[in-house]
Amino acid sequence: MSTRIHTQFQQIATPDAPLSLREGGILPDVTLAYETWGELNADRSNVVLVMHALSGSQHLAGHNPAIPGVDDFWQPEMHDGWWDTLIGPGKAIDTRRFFVICANYLGGCYGSTGPTSINPESGNPWGSAFPSVTAADQAEVFARLLDRLGIDQLQALVGPSVGGLVGLTFATRFPQRVRNVISIAAGFKTTVLNRLILFEQILAIENDPHFNGGDYYDGPAPLYGLALARMISHKTFVHLDAIENRARQDVIQPDDVLAWYRVRDQFQSYMLHQGKKFVRRFDANTYLRIIDMWSRFDGTLEGDADSPHDLFARSREAGQRWLVFSIDSDFCLYPEEQAELMRHLESAGVDSMHITVHSDKGHDSFLLEPDLYTPHIAWLLSR
């Protein structure tokens, strides 16, 4: 007999609080917001855990018009699942067979404990006092979530983009808890180029006059800085040809005026629109915590290993199978980064396969072109 678990939005307080974080700081109690799809089987062995990307949420599939406590951030564009094309009956991750879980990251703004949450010691939002969070911290709270649900081992762990970094960390810190790992457009160690691009975004937010060091919840939010940060990142997520094609369909808006400068073309107007749209659904402090986690990511360090070989020896000994996707037009996490990951996996003798997706959509291909990923994911999950 299978065990049915409520498949709507849920919140849980993780056990064993307070939570001591890797780089200092203690959270007296922690809540993770998560959603589930499908049915948990009798021996709880059919679980697929999905890690979301930088600005994603726990809402993978279906329609969810409201998240308790999230307030204005849950904009209409969030109501439909961000991976609805891959999660569901008969899809790549088939909910007729698998019980799928996705949780909002620690530090998030969609229901999990983060800078917008109330600090029980002060009675005010955490704001600047919310500590730095690492991928290892994320892995720890996800492990506690699984403990809370009575799940010992995952059939698969899936991580696109930044989710692939967190997924790698979970799979190597808790190797016996993961059978299959699917890493999509991710990597092993953040490059110098990405660290500089992320630093530009940090400066954009920090220099907004309303940022106030992160304590802005009782006044104007740093919308200009967050919009600029999103514009910096957006051009790495979407291939430039796609940006040009989309922008040509737009009309310059009459309010596209800065203090002095008037937007001159459709490309500038398109990017400004992306920035304005993003600030309605995301928090600047959360954005800083996640890109800080990304900027400093090194799989070996997050796994407390002596070398990449030692790190992935754990995966080999646990019998893990890895499926690694590259996107040939990716300007965010370049194919060379997945090639590095594959070298480490192969050197350690891990059962692994590398698929290169040929796309003109850039990094966002994994969101836009499900047919390019579905056969390979379904094949791995059927093995």
Protein backbone atom coordinates (compact mmCIF):
# COMPACT_ATOMS: atom_id res chain seq x y z
CA MET A 1 0.00 0.00 0.00
CA SER A 2 1.32 3.44 -0.87
CA THR A 3 1.38 6.36 1.53
CA ARG A 4 -0.27 9.50 0.21
CA ILE A 5 1.21 12.79 1.37
CA HIS A 6 -0.67 16.05 0.90
CA THR A 7 0.56 17.56 -2.35
CA GLN A 8 0.02 21.22 -1.74
CA PHE A 9 2.24 23.86 -0.20
CA GLN A 10 3.54 22.91 3.22
CA GLN A 11 5.81 24.39 5.85
CA ILE A 12 7.83 22.45 8.37
CA ALA A 13 10.13 23.42 11.18
CA THR A 14 13.30 21.40 10.82
CA PRO A 15 14.26 19.29 13.85
CA ASP A 16 17.28 19.79 16.05
CA ALA A 17 17.11 23.59 16.04
CA PRO A 18 18.93 25.82 16.66
CA LEU A 19 20.86 25.50 13.42
CA SER A 20 24.54 26.48 13.51
CA LEU A 21 25.71 27.63 10.10
CA ARG A 22 29.01 26.75 8.53
CA GLU A 23 30.46 30.26 8.48
CA GLY A 24 29.09 31.40 11.81
CA GLY A 25 25.68 32.49 12.94
CA ILE A 26 22.87 30.56 14.55
CA LEU A 27 19.24 30.35 13.50
CA PRO A 28 17.13 29.60 16.58
CA ASP A 29 14.53 27.83 14.47
CA VAL A 30 14.15 27.12 10.79
CA THR A 31 11.20 26.70 8.46
CA LEU A 32 11.44 25.19 4.99
CA ALA A 33 8.64 25.78 2.50
CA TYR A 34 8.12 22.88 0.12
CA GLU A 35 5.70 21.29 -2.30
CA THR A 36 5.26 17.67 -3.35
CA TRP A 37 3.76 15.81 -6.31
CA GLY A 38 2.82 12.16 -6.73
CA GLU A 39 2.56 9.37 -4.18
CA LEU A 40 5.15 8.07 -1.76
CA ASN A 41 5.36 4.29 -2.08
CA ALA A 42 5.29 1.87 0.84
CA ASP A 43 9.06 1.63 1.36
CA ARG A 44 9.60 5.34 0.56
CA SER A 45 12.04 4.51 -2.22
CA ASN A 46 10.55 6.46 -5.14
CA VAL A 47 11.56 10.01 -4.13
CA VAL A 48 13.00 12.57 -6.52
CA LEU A 49 14.33 15.75 -4.92
CA VAL A 50 14.66 18.83 -7.16
CA MET A 51 16.85 21.82 -6.27
CA HIS A 52 15.72 25.10 -7.81
CA ALA A 53 17.85 27.69 -9.62
CA LEU A 54 18.99 31.10 -8.35
CA SER A 55 15.66 32.92 -8.29
CA GLY A 56 13.37 29.91 -8.49
CA SER A 57 10.92 28.63 -5.93
CA GLN A 58 9.52 25.39 -4.54
CA HIS A 59 6.63 25.58 -7.04
CA LEU A 60 7.73 23.15 -9.76
CA ALA A 61 4.47 22.15 -11.38
CA GLY A 62 0.76 22.85 -11.46
CA HIS A 63 -1.04 26.04 -10.47
CA ASN A 64 -0.61 27.60 -7.05
CA PRO A 65 -2.14 31.10 -6.76
CA ALA A 66 -1.06 31.79 -3.17
CA ILE A 67 1.74 30.96 -0.73
CA PRO A 68 0.95 31.75 2.92
CA GLY A 69 3.14 34.51 4.31
CA VAL A 70 4.81 35.38 1.01
CA ASP A 71 2.64 38.44 0.41
CA ASP A 72 3.38 40.52 -2.69
CA PHE A 73 6.34 38.45 -3.93
CA TRP A 74 4.01 35.72 -5.23
CA GLN A 75 3.28 37.50 -8.50
CA PRO A 76 1.01 36.01 -11.21
CA GLU A 77 4.03 34.84 -13.21
CA MET A 78 4.88 32.55 -10.26
CA HIS A 79 1.50 30.83 -10.10
CA ASP A 80 2.31 28.21 -12.74
CA GLY A 81 5.14 25.82 -11.94
CA TRP A 82 8.53 26.78 -13.35
CA TRP A 83 9.20 23.19 -14.54
CA ASP A 84 5.68 22.18 -15.43
CA THR A 85 6.97 20.78 -18.71
CA LEU A 86 9.16 18.17 -16.98
CA ILE A 87 7.19 17.24 -13.85
CA GLY A 88 3.89 15.38 -14.07
CA PRO A 89 2.11 12.27 -15.36
CA GLY A 90 3.91 10.87 -18.39
CA LYS A 91 6.59 13.56 -18.33
CA ALA A 92 10.35 13.24 -17.82
CA ILE A 93 9.89 12.92 -14.07
CA ASP A 94 6.69 10.91 -14.07
CA THR A 95 4.54 11.57 -11.01
CA ARG A 96 2.68 8.31 -11.64
CA ARG A 97 5.92 6.59 -10.56
CA PHE A 98 7.80 9.12 -8.46
CA PHE A 99 7.17 11.25 -5.40
CA VAL A 100 8.72 14.63 -6.20
CA ILE A 101 9.82 17.20 -3.62
CA CYS A 102 11.06 20.75 -4.12
CA ALA A 103 11.84 23.17 -1.28
CA ASN A 104 12.65 26.86 -1.18
CA TYR A 105 16.24 27.44 -0.09
CA LEU A 106 17.24 28.54 3.37
CA GLY A 107 17.56 32.32 3.02
CA GLY A 108 14.75 32.35 0.46
CA CYS A 109 11.78 34.68 0.20
CA TYR A 110 9.03 32.18 -0.70
CA GLY A 111 8.22 30.81 2.72
CA SER A 112 11.52 29.43 4.01
CA THR A 113 13.41 31.16 6.80
CA GLY A 114 15.29 34.08 5.30
CA PRO A 115 16.08 37.77 5.71
CA THR A 116 12.39 38.71 5.42
CA SER A 117 11.46 36.34 8.28
CA ILE A 118 11.00 37.56 11.83
CA ASN A 119 14.04 37.23 14.07
CA PRO A 120 12.54 35.82 17.30
CA GLU A 121 15.12 37.66 19.38
CA SER A 122 14.28 41.14 18.03
CA GLY A 123 10.72 40.73 16.79
CA ASN A 124 11.76 42.41 13.53
CA PRO A 125 12.75 41.02 10.14
CA TRP A 126 16.24 39.54 10.13
CA GLY A 127 17.45 41.92 7.40
CA SER A 128 21.21 42.51 7.63
CA ALA A 129 21.48 40.18 10.65
CA PHE A 130 20.61 37.12 8.57
CA PRO A 131 23.86 35.17 8.25
CA SER A 132 25.66 33.92 5.16
CA VAL A 133 24.48 30.54 3.92
CA THR A 134 26.62 28.00 2.08
CA ALA A 135 25.73 25.07 -0.15
CA ALA A 136 26.75 22.80 2.74
CA ASP A 137 24.16 24.54 4.95
CA GLN A 138 21.52 23.98 2.28
CA ALA A 139 22.45 20.30 2.09
CA GLU A 140 22.09 20.01 5.87
CA VAL A 141 18.59 21.48 6.00
CA PHE A 142 17.47 19.36 3.04
CA ALA A 143 18.75 16.27 4.86
CA ARG A 144 16.71 17.32 7.89
CA LEU A 145 13.65 17.75 5.68
CA LEU A 146 14.05 14.19 4.41
CA ASP A 147 14.52 12.96 7.98
CA ARG A 148 11.30 14.71 8.93
CA LEU A 149 9.50 12.91 6.10
CA GLY A 150 11.03 9.54 6.99
CA ILE A 151 12.92 9.29 3.69
CA ASP A 152 16.30 7.56 3.89
CA GLN A 153 17.35 7.49 0.24
CA LEU A 154 16.50 9.39 -2.94
CA GLN A 155 15.85 7.63 -6.21
CA ALA A 156 17.24 10.77 -7.83
CA LEU A 157 18.43 14.27 -7.06
CA VAL A 158 17.97 16.83 -9.84
CA GLY A 159 19.66 20.22 -9.92
CA PRO A 160 19.58 22.76 -12.77
CA SER A 161 21.92 25.78 -12.68
CA VAL A 162 22.64 26.85 -9.08
CA GLY A 163 20.50 23.90 -8.03
CA GLY A 164 23.17 21.68 -9.54
CA LEU A 165 25.76 23.14 -7.15
CA VAL A 166 23.56 22.46 -4.13
CA GLY A 167 22.72 19.03 -5.53
CA LEU A 168 26.41 18.15 -5.94
CA THR A 169 27.01 19.14 -2.33
CA PHE A 170 24.11 17.08 -1.02
CA ALA A 171 25.13 14.04 -3.10
CA THR A 172 28.74 14.13 -1.85
CA ARG A 173 27.99 15.00 1.78
CA PHE A 174 25.27 12.34 2.00
CA PRO A 175 26.33 9.85 -0.68
CA GLN A 176 24.37 6.89 0.72
CA ARG A 177 21.17 8.92 0.49
CA VAL A 178 21.31 9.41 -3.31
CA ARG A 179 21.13 6.78 -6.08
CA ASN A 180 21.10 9.01 -9.17
CA VAL A 181 22.26 12.59 -9.73
CA ILE A 182 21.09 14.74 -12.64
CA SER A 183 23.11 17.94 -12.97
CA ILE A 184 21.94 20.42 -15.62
CA ALA A 185 24.04 23.40 -16.73
CA ALA A 186 25.91 23.52 -13.44
CA GLY A 187 29.55 22.92 -12.52
CA PHE A 188 32.10 21.98 -9.89
CA LYS A 189 33.67 25.29 -8.87
CA THR A 190 32.57 28.86 -9.60
CA THR A 191 34.82 30.47 -12.19
CA VAL A 192 36.60 33.79 -11.78
CA LEU A 193 34.42 35.23 -14.55
CA ASN A 194 31.22 34.33 -12.74
CA ARG A 195 32.58 35.59 -9.44
CA LEU A 196 33.21 38.98 -11.08
CA ILE A 197 29.77 39.06 -12.71
CA LEU A 198 28.18 38.20 -9.36
CA PHE A 199 30.28 40.86 -7.64
CA GLU A 200 28.92 43.47 -10.05
CA GLN A 201 25.42 42.46 -8.95
CA ILE A 202 26.38 42.71 -5.27
CA LEU A 203 27.71 46.24 -5.85
CA ALA A 204 24.53 47.21 -7.70
CA ILE A 205 22.40 46.30 -4.68
CA GLU A 206 24.80 47.58 -2.03
CA ASN A 207 24.98 50.99 -3.72
CA ASP A 208 21.25 51.50 -3.96
CA PRO A 209 20.44 54.48 -1.67
CA HIS A 210 17.56 52.52 -0.12
CA PHE A 211 19.58 49.40 0.73
CA ASN A 212 20.54 50.68 4.19
CA GLY A 213 22.93 47.81 4.78
CA GLY A 214 20.08 45.35 4.34
CA ASP A 215 17.68 46.90 6.86
CA TYR A 216 15.08 48.38 4.54
CA TYR A 217 11.88 46.54 5.44
CA ASP A 218 10.28 49.51 7.18
CA GLY A 219 10.94 51.82 4.23
CA PRO A 220 11.54 51.85 0.47
CA ALA A 221 13.18 48.69 -0.89
CA PRO A 222 16.38 48.87 -3.01
CA LEU A 223 14.47 48.30 -6.21
CA TYR A 224 16.87 50.13 -8.51
CA GLY A 225 19.85 48.11 -7.30
CA LEU A 226 18.01 44.80 -7.53
CA ALA A 227 16.72 45.65 -11.02
CA LEU A 228 20.25 46.46 -12.15
CA ALA A 229 21.55 43.22 -10.64
CA ARG A 230 18.90 41.27 -12.56
CA MET A 231 19.78 43.05 -15.79
CA ILE A 232 23.44 42.11 -15.33
CA SER A 233 22.54 38.47 -14.79
CA HIS A 234 19.76 38.21 -17.38
CA LYS A 235 22.11 38.69 -20.31
CA THR A 236 24.04 35.60 -19.19
CA PHE A 237 20.87 33.48 -18.84
CA VAL A 238 19.41 34.21 -22.27
CA HIS A 239 21.39 33.91 -25.50
CA LEU A 240 21.99 37.31 -27.08
CA ASP A 241 20.25 36.24 -30.29
CA ALA A 242 17.16 35.39 -28.25
CA ILE A 243 17.35 38.75 -26.47
CA GLU A 244 17.47 40.52 -29.84
CA ASN A 245 14.52 38.52 -31.17
CA ARG A 246 12.42 39.17 -28.06
CA ALA A 247 13.36 42.84 -27.89
CA ARG A 248 12.34 43.47 -31.50
CA GLN A 249 8.80 42.48 -30.55
CA ASP A 250 8.64 45.09 -27.79
CA VAL A 251 7.70 48.73 -27.98
CA ILE A 252 9.69 51.34 -26.08
CA GLN A 253 7.56 52.40 -23.11
CA PRO A 254 6.93 56.13 -22.54
CA ASP A 255 8.06 55.86 -18.90
CA ASP A 256 11.47 54.41 -19.86
CA VAL A 257 13.26 57.52 -18.60
CA LEU A 258 15.96 57.65 -15.95
CA ALA A 259 17.07 60.83 -14.17
CA TRP A 260 18.33 62.30 -17.42
CA TYR A 261 18.75 59.49 -19.93
CA ARG A 262 15.86 58.40 -22.11
CA VAL A 263 15.90 54.79 -23.28
CA ARG A 264 16.86 54.86 -26.96
CA ASP A 265 16.10 51.43 -28.36
CA GLN A 266 14.05 48.27 -27.86
CA PHE A 267 16.99 46.31 -26.45
CA GLN A 268 17.48 48.72 -23.57
CA SER A 269 13.73 48.81 -23.01
CA TYR A 270 13.59 44.99 -22.93
CA MET A 271 16.33 44.74 -20.30
CA LEU A 272 14.78 47.50 -18.20
CA HIS A 273 11.47 45.64 -18.33
CA GLN A 274 13.16 42.46 -17.10
CA GLY A 275 14.65 44.32 -14.15
CA LYS A 276 11.37 46.03 -13.23
CA LYS A 277 9.45 42.76 -13.46
CA PHE A 278 11.93 40.91 -11.26
CA VAL A 279 11.85 43.34 -8.32
CA ARG A 280 8.13 42.71 -7.88
CA ARG A 281 8.74 39.04 -7.10
CA PHE A 282 12.06 38.88 -5.26
CA ASP A 283 13.86 40.23 -2.20
CA ALA A 284 17.25 41.94 -2.47
CA ASN A 285 18.64 40.38 0.72
CA THR A 286 17.68 36.90 -0.48
CA TYR A 287 19.31 37.60 -3.83
CA LEU A 288 22.53 38.60 -2.05
CA ARG A 289 22.58 35.46 0.11
CA ILE A 290 22.14 33.12 -2.85
CA ILE A 291 24.63 34.80 -5.19
CA ASP A 292 27.12 34.93 -2.32
CA MET A 293 26.66 31.16 -1.90
CA TRP A 294 27.16 30.72 -5.66
CA SER A 295 30.16 33.05 -5.87
CA ARG A 296 32.15 31.12 -3.26
CA PHE A 297 31.15 27.64 -4.37
CA ASP A 298 33.87 24.99 -4.52
CA GLY A 299 32.65 21.38 -4.48
CA THR A 300 35.74 20.11 -2.66
CA LEU A 301 35.45 22.66 0.15
CA GLU A 302 31.67 22.30 0.50
CA GLY A 303 32.16 18.55 0.84
CA ASP A 304 35.02 18.86 3.37
CA ALA A 305 37.18 16.71 1.11
CA ASP A 306 40.93 16.79 0.52
CA SER A 307 40.60 16.72 -3.28
CA PRO A 308 38.00 16.30 -6.03
CA HIS A 309 39.06 12.65 -6.33
CA ASP A 310 38.43 12.04 -2.63
CA LEU A 311 35.10 13.88 -2.88
CA PHE A 312 33.75 11.77 -5.73
CA ALA A 313 35.20 8.53 -4.38
CA ARG A 314 32.23 8.77 -2.02
CA SER A 315 29.87 8.76 -5.02
CA ARG A 316 31.64 5.75 -6.54
CA GLU A 317 31.54 3.80 -3.28
CA ALA A 318 27.84 4.58 -2.86
CA GLY A 319 27.14 3.31 -6.40
CA GLN A 320 25.76 6.64 -7.61
CA ARG A 321 25.03 7.26 -11.28
CA TRP A 322 25.47 10.78 -12.68
CA LEU A 323 23.89 12.39 -15.73
CA VAL A 324 25.50 15.74 -16.58
CA PHE A 325 23.98 18.14 -19.12
CA SER A 326 25.80 20.94 -20.94
CA ILE A 327 24.16 23.56 -23.16
CA ASP A 328 26.41 24.54 -26.05
CA SER A 329 25.15 28.15 -26.12
CA ASP A 330 25.38 28.67 -22.34
CA PHE A 331 27.06 31.97 -21.43
CA CYS A 332 26.32 31.61 -17.72
CA LEU A 333 27.74 28.23 -16.69
CA TYR A 334 29.84 27.43 -19.72
CA PRO A 335 30.20 23.88 -21.13
CA GLU A 336 33.81 23.91 -19.95
CA GLU A 337 32.49 23.87 -16.39
CA GLN A 338 30.57 20.64 -16.94
CA ALA A 339 33.63 19.21 -18.69
CA GLU A 340 35.63 19.88 -15.52
CA LEU A 341 32.94 18.16 -13.44
CA MET A 342 33.04 15.14 -15.77
CA ARG A 343 36.83 14.89 -15.51
CA HIS A 344 36.57 14.65 -11.73
CA LEU A 345 33.74 12.10 -11.91
CA GLU A 346 35.60 9.93 -14.41
CA SER A 347 38.89 10.21 -12.49
CA ALA A 348 37.11 8.89 -9.39
CA GLY A 349 35.50 6.04 -11.35
CA VAL A 350 31.91 7.26 -10.97
CA ASP A 351 29.30 5.83 -13.35
CA SER A 352 28.60 8.99 -15.34
CA MET A 353 27.30 10.22 -18.69
CA HIS A 354 27.71 13.65 -20.32
CA ILE A 355 25.06 15.00 -22.71
CA THR A 356 25.55 18.22 -24.69
CA VAL A 357 22.30 19.93 -25.64
CA HIS A 358 22.46 21.91 -28.89
CA SER A 359 20.30 24.97 -28.41
CA ASP A 360 20.04 28.62 -29.40
CA LYS A 361 18.31 29.49 -26.11
CA GLY A 362 21.38 29.75 -23.88
CA HIS A 363 21.37 28.87 -20.18
CA ASP A 364 17.58 29.05 -19.96
CA SER A 365 17.25 26.13 -22.39
CA PHE A 366 16.47 23.79 -19.48
CA LEU A 367 13.36 25.87 -18.78
CA LEU A 368 12.28 26.33 -22.39
CA GLU A 369 13.07 23.11 -24.28
CA PRO A 370 11.86 20.08 -22.33
CA ASP A 371 12.08 17.75 -25.34
CA LEU A 372 15.88 18.07 -25.34
CA TYR A 373 16.14 16.72 -21.79
CA THR A 374 13.16 14.40 -21.35
CA PRO A 375 14.47 11.27 -23.14
CA HIS A 376 17.75 11.24 -21.21
CA ILE A 377 16.19 11.93 -17.82
CA ALA A 378 13.47 9.32 -18.37
CA TRP A 379 16.12 6.79 -19.46
CA LEU A 380 18.21 7.30 -16.32
CA LEU A 381 15.19 7.05 -14.04
CA SER A 382 14.09 3.83 -15.74
CA ARG A 383 17.42 2.05 -15.22
